[in-house]
């Protein structure tokens, strides 16, 4: 299983054979490689899912919001620290 982080394309970067994009990820700008999806085209405003610096999926805003909600839920983790064997 891999964790994908949603981001929004700000710009495609000149050079790099069209394979690098500048993406906003929760307010932080990151350069990511879009080369794993050669059949896709990317433009400012597009939503993507990123893993290890590579775009692994093109999505829409609703998909990005679902991904972020899932990540936030996982980040909360288990708050009950009682071992499972003791939980009655």
N, C-alpha and C. Protein backbone atom coordinates (compact mmCIF):
# COMPACT_ATOMS: atom_id res chain seq x y z
N UNK A 1 0.85 -1.18 0.00
CA UNK A 1 0.00 0.00 0.00
C UNK A 1 0.89 1.24 0.00
N UNK A 2 0.50 2.21 -0.76
CA UNK A 2 1.24 3.47 -0.74
C UNK A 2 0.28 4.58 -0.32
N UNK A 3 0.85 5.62 0.23
CA UNK A 3 0.06 6.79 0.60
C UNK A 3 0.20 7.83 -0.48
N UNK A 4 -0.91 8.28 -1.00
CA UNK A 4 -0.90 9.33 -2.00
C UNK A 4 -1.34 10.63 -1.38
N UNK A 5 -0.61 11.67 -1.67
CA UNK A 5 -0.90 13.00 -1.14
C UNK A 5 -1.52 13.84 -2.26
N UNK A 6 -2.67 14.46 -2.03
CA UNK A 6 -3.26 15.29 -3.07
C UNK A 6 -2.57 16.64 -3.20
N UNK A 7 -2.53 17.15 -4.41
CA UNK A 7 -1.97 18.47 -4.67
C UNK A 7 -2.60 19.07 -5.91
N UNK A 8 -2.44 20.36 -6.07
CA UNK A 8 -2.99 21.07 -7.23
C UNK A 8 -1.85 21.67 -8.04
N UNK A 9 -1.89 21.41 -9.34
CA UNK A 9 -0.85 21.90 -10.24
C UNK A 9 -0.90 23.43 -10.28
N UNK A 10 0.26 24.04 -10.06
CA UNK A 10 0.41 25.49 -10.19
C UNK A 10 0.92 25.82 -11.58
N UNK A 11 1.92 25.05 -12.04
CA UNK A 11 2.52 25.31 -13.36
C UNK A 11 3.31 24.08 -13.80
N UNK A 12 3.42 23.94 -15.11
CA UNK A 12 4.36 22.97 -15.68
C UNK A 12 5.68 23.72 -15.83
N UNK A 13 6.77 23.08 -15.46
CA UNK A 13 8.08 23.73 -15.48
C UNK A 13 8.75 23.57 -16.84
N UNK A 14 9.35 24.64 -17.31
CA UNK A 14 10.06 24.61 -18.59
C UNK A 14 11.24 23.66 -18.50
N UNK A 15 11.55 23.06 -19.63
CA UNK A 15 12.64 22.09 -19.65
C UNK A 15 12.16 20.76 -19.11
N UNK A 16 13.07 19.95 -18.68
CA UNK A 16 12.76 18.67 -18.06
C UNK A 16 11.85 17.79 -18.92
N UNK A 17 11.86 18.04 -20.24
CA UNK A 17 11.07 17.26 -21.20
C UNK A 17 9.59 17.23 -20.82
N UNK A 18 9.11 18.30 -20.20
CA UNK A 18 7.70 18.40 -19.84
C UNK A 18 7.28 17.47 -18.73
N UNK A 19 8.24 16.97 -17.96
CA UNK A 19 7.90 15.98 -16.94
C UNK A 19 7.86 16.52 -15.51
N UNK A 20 8.13 17.80 -15.32
CA UNK A 20 8.08 18.35 -13.96
C UNK A 20 6.99 19.40 -13.84
N UNK A 21 6.28 19.32 -12.72
CA UNK A 21 5.24 20.29 -12.44
C UNK A 21 5.50 20.89 -11.06
N UNK A 22 5.10 22.13 -10.89
CA UNK A 22 5.10 22.77 -9.58
C UNK A 22 3.69 22.59 -9.03
N UNK A 23 3.60 21.99 -7.84
CA UNK A 23 2.30 21.62 -7.28
C UNK A 23 2.17 22.19 -5.87
N UNK A 24 0.97 22.66 -5.53
CA UNK A 24 0.67 23.12 -4.18
C UNK A 24 0.14 21.93 -3.39
N UNK A 25 0.84 21.62 -2.30
CA UNK A 25 0.42 20.54 -1.41
C UNK A 25 0.20 21.15 -0.03
N UNK A 26 -1.04 21.35 0.32
CA UNK A 26 -1.43 21.98 1.59
C UNK A 26 -0.63 23.24 1.89
N UNK A 27 -0.50 24.09 0.89
CA UNK A 27 0.16 25.38 1.06
C UNK A 27 1.65 25.38 0.81
N UNK A 28 2.24 24.22 0.58
CA UNK A 28 3.67 24.12 0.30
C UNK A 28 3.87 23.78 -1.17
N UNK A 29 4.77 24.49 -1.83
CA UNK A 29 5.04 24.22 -3.24
C UNK A 29 6.11 23.14 -3.38
N UNK A 30 5.81 22.16 -4.23
CA UNK A 30 6.75 21.06 -4.47
C UNK A 30 6.89 20.82 -5.96
N UNK A 31 8.09 20.42 -6.36
CA UNK A 31 8.31 19.98 -7.73
C UNK A 31 8.06 18.48 -7.76
N UNK A 32 7.21 18.04 -8.69
CA UNK A 32 6.89 16.62 -8.80
C UNK A 32 7.03 16.17 -10.25
N UNK A 33 7.30 14.90 -10.43
CA UNK A 33 7.49 14.31 -11.74
C UNK A 33 6.16 13.73 -12.23
N UNK A 34 5.74 14.12 -13.43
CA UNK A 34 4.49 13.62 -14.01
C UNK A 34 4.75 12.53 -15.05
N UNK A 35 6.00 12.11 -15.20
CA UNK A 35 6.39 11.17 -16.24
C UNK A 35 5.78 9.79 -16.15
N UNK A 36 5.23 9.41 -15.00
CA UNK A 36 4.61 8.09 -14.88
C UNK A 36 3.26 8.02 -15.58
N UNK A 37 2.72 9.16 -15.96
CA UNK A 37 1.43 9.20 -16.64
C UNK A 37 1.59 9.88 -18.00
N UNK A 38 2.32 9.24 -18.93
CA UNK A 38 2.62 9.90 -20.21
C UNK A 38 1.39 10.17 -21.07
N UNK A 39 0.29 9.46 -20.81
CA UNK A 39 -0.92 9.67 -21.60
C UNK A 39 -1.72 10.88 -21.14
N UNK A 40 -1.39 11.43 -19.98
CA UNK A 40 -2.12 12.57 -19.43
C UNK A 40 -1.45 13.88 -19.81
N UNK A 41 -2.26 14.93 -19.86
CA UNK A 41 -1.74 16.29 -19.97
C UNK A 41 -2.10 17.01 -18.67
N UNK A 42 -1.26 17.94 -18.29
CA UNK A 42 -1.46 18.64 -17.02
C UNK A 42 -1.45 20.14 -17.26
N UNK A 43 -2.29 20.84 -16.51
CA UNK A 43 -2.40 22.29 -16.62
C UNK A 43 -2.64 22.86 -15.23
N UNK A 44 -2.33 24.15 -15.04
CA UNK A 44 -2.63 24.78 -13.76
C UNK A 44 -4.09 24.55 -13.37
N UNK A 45 -4.29 24.21 -12.10
CA UNK A 45 -5.63 23.94 -11.59
C UNK A 45 -5.96 22.46 -11.51
N UNK A 46 -5.23 21.62 -12.25
CA UNK A 46 -5.48 20.18 -12.20
C UNK A 46 -5.13 19.63 -10.82
N UNK A 47 -5.85 18.62 -10.40
CA UNK A 47 -5.58 17.94 -9.13
C UNK A 47 -4.88 16.63 -9.41
N UNK A 48 -3.90 16.30 -8.58
CA UNK A 48 -3.12 15.08 -8.75
C UNK A 48 -2.91 14.41 -7.40
N UNK A 49 -2.58 13.11 -7.47
CA UNK A 49 -2.19 12.36 -6.28
C UNK A 49 -0.71 12.04 -6.44
N UNK A 50 0.07 12.34 -5.40
CA UNK A 50 1.53 12.24 -5.45
C UNK A 50 2.02 11.18 -4.46
N UNK A 51 2.98 10.38 -4.91
CA UNK A 51 3.65 9.41 -4.02
C UNK A 51 5.14 9.46 -4.31
N UNK A 52 5.94 9.74 -3.28
CA UNK A 52 7.40 9.76 -3.41
C UNK A 52 7.89 10.70 -4.52
N UNK A 53 7.21 11.83 -4.69
CA UNK A 53 7.64 12.82 -5.67
C UNK A 53 7.15 12.56 -7.09
N UNK A 54 6.34 11.54 -7.27
CA UNK A 54 5.80 11.21 -8.59
C UNK A 54 4.28 11.30 -8.57
N UNK A 55 3.71 11.88 -9.63
CA UNK A 55 2.27 11.88 -9.78
C UNK A 55 1.86 10.47 -10.20
N UNK A 56 0.97 9.86 -9.42
CA UNK A 56 0.51 8.51 -9.72
C UNK A 56 -0.92 8.48 -10.21
N UNK A 57 -1.61 9.61 -10.10
CA UNK A 57 -3.01 9.66 -10.54
C UNK A 57 -3.42 11.11 -10.77
N UNK A 58 -4.21 11.32 -11.79
CA UNK A 58 -4.86 12.61 -12.00
C UNK A 58 -6.28 12.45 -11.47
N UNK A 59 -6.75 13.42 -10.71
CA UNK A 59 -8.05 13.30 -10.08
C UNK A 59 -8.80 14.62 -10.22
N UNK A 60 -9.92 14.74 -9.56
CA UNK A 60 -10.65 16.00 -9.53
C UNK A 60 -10.64 16.52 -8.09
N UNK A 61 -11.26 17.66 -7.87
CA UNK A 61 -11.23 18.26 -6.54
C UNK A 61 -11.89 17.34 -5.51
N UNK A 62 -12.99 16.69 -5.88
CA UNK A 62 -13.66 15.80 -4.94
C UNK A 62 -12.75 14.63 -4.56
N UNK A 63 -12.02 14.09 -5.52
CA UNK A 63 -11.08 13.00 -5.24
C UNK A 63 -9.95 13.46 -4.33
N UNK A 64 -9.47 14.67 -4.57
CA UNK A 64 -8.41 15.23 -3.72
C UNK A 64 -8.92 15.43 -2.29
N UNK A 65 -10.15 15.90 -2.16
CA UNK A 65 -10.72 16.11 -0.83
C UNK A 65 -10.91 14.79 -0.10
N UNK A 66 -11.34 13.74 -0.83
CA UNK A 66 -11.48 12.42 -0.21
C UNK A 66 -10.13 11.89 0.27
N UNK A 67 -9.11 12.06 -0.57
CA UNK A 67 -7.77 11.61 -0.20
C UNK A 67 -7.28 12.34 1.05
N UNK A 68 -7.48 13.64 1.11
CA UNK A 68 -7.03 14.42 2.27
C UNK A 68 -7.81 14.02 3.52
N UNK A 69 -9.10 13.79 3.38
CA UNK A 69 -9.91 13.37 4.53
C UNK A 69 -9.41 12.03 5.06
N UNK A 70 -9.07 11.12 4.17
CA UNK A 70 -8.53 9.82 4.59
C UNK A 70 -7.21 9.96 5.31
N UNK A 71 -6.34 10.82 4.79
CA UNK A 71 -5.05 11.05 5.45
C UNK A 71 -5.23 11.67 6.83
N UNK A 72 -6.16 12.61 6.93
CA UNK A 72 -6.41 13.25 8.23
C UNK A 72 -6.95 12.24 9.22
N UNK A 73 -7.82 11.35 8.76
CA UNK A 73 -8.38 10.32 9.62
C UNK A 73 -7.28 9.37 10.10
N UNK A 74 -6.41 8.96 9.20
CA UNK A 74 -5.30 8.07 9.58
C UNK A 74 -4.36 8.77 10.55
N UNK A 75 -4.17 10.06 10.37
CA UNK A 75 -3.27 10.81 11.24
C UNK A 75 -3.75 10.87 12.68
N UNK A 76 -5.05 10.75 12.85
CA UNK A 76 -5.58 10.76 14.22
C UNK A 76 -5.20 9.49 14.96
N UNK A 77 -5.13 8.39 14.22
CA UNK A 77 -4.74 7.12 14.82
C UNK A 77 -5.69 6.67 15.91
N UNK A 78 -5.25 5.72 16.64
CA UNK A 78 -6.03 5.17 17.73
C UNK A 78 -5.77 6.02 18.97
N UNK A 79 -6.82 6.50 19.59
CA UNK A 79 -6.64 7.35 20.77
C UNK A 79 -6.81 6.58 22.07
N UNK A 80 -7.42 5.39 22.01
CA UNK A 80 -7.57 4.55 23.20
C UNK A 80 -6.31 3.70 23.32
N UNK A 81 -5.50 3.94 24.33
CA UNK A 81 -4.23 3.23 24.47
C UNK A 81 -4.35 1.95 25.28
N UNK A 82 -5.57 1.54 25.62
CA UNK A 82 -5.76 0.27 26.31
C UNK A 82 -5.42 -0.86 25.36
N UNK A 83 -4.54 -1.79 25.76
CA UNK A 83 -4.22 -2.91 24.88
C UNK A 83 -5.49 -3.68 24.51
N UNK A 84 -5.53 -4.20 23.30
CA UNK A 84 -6.72 -4.92 22.83
C UNK A 84 -7.08 -6.07 23.77
N UNK A 85 -6.10 -6.74 24.34
CA UNK A 85 -6.37 -7.88 25.22
C UNK A 85 -7.07 -7.43 26.51
N UNK A 86 -6.89 -6.18 26.91
CA UNK A 86 -7.53 -5.67 28.13
C UNK A 86 -8.86 -5.01 27.85
N UNK A 87 -9.10 -4.62 26.60
CA UNK A 87 -10.36 -3.96 26.27
C UNK A 87 -11.46 -5.01 26.33
N UNK A 88 -12.43 -4.77 27.14
CA UNK A 88 -13.42 -5.76 27.43
C UNK A 88 -14.46 -5.96 26.46
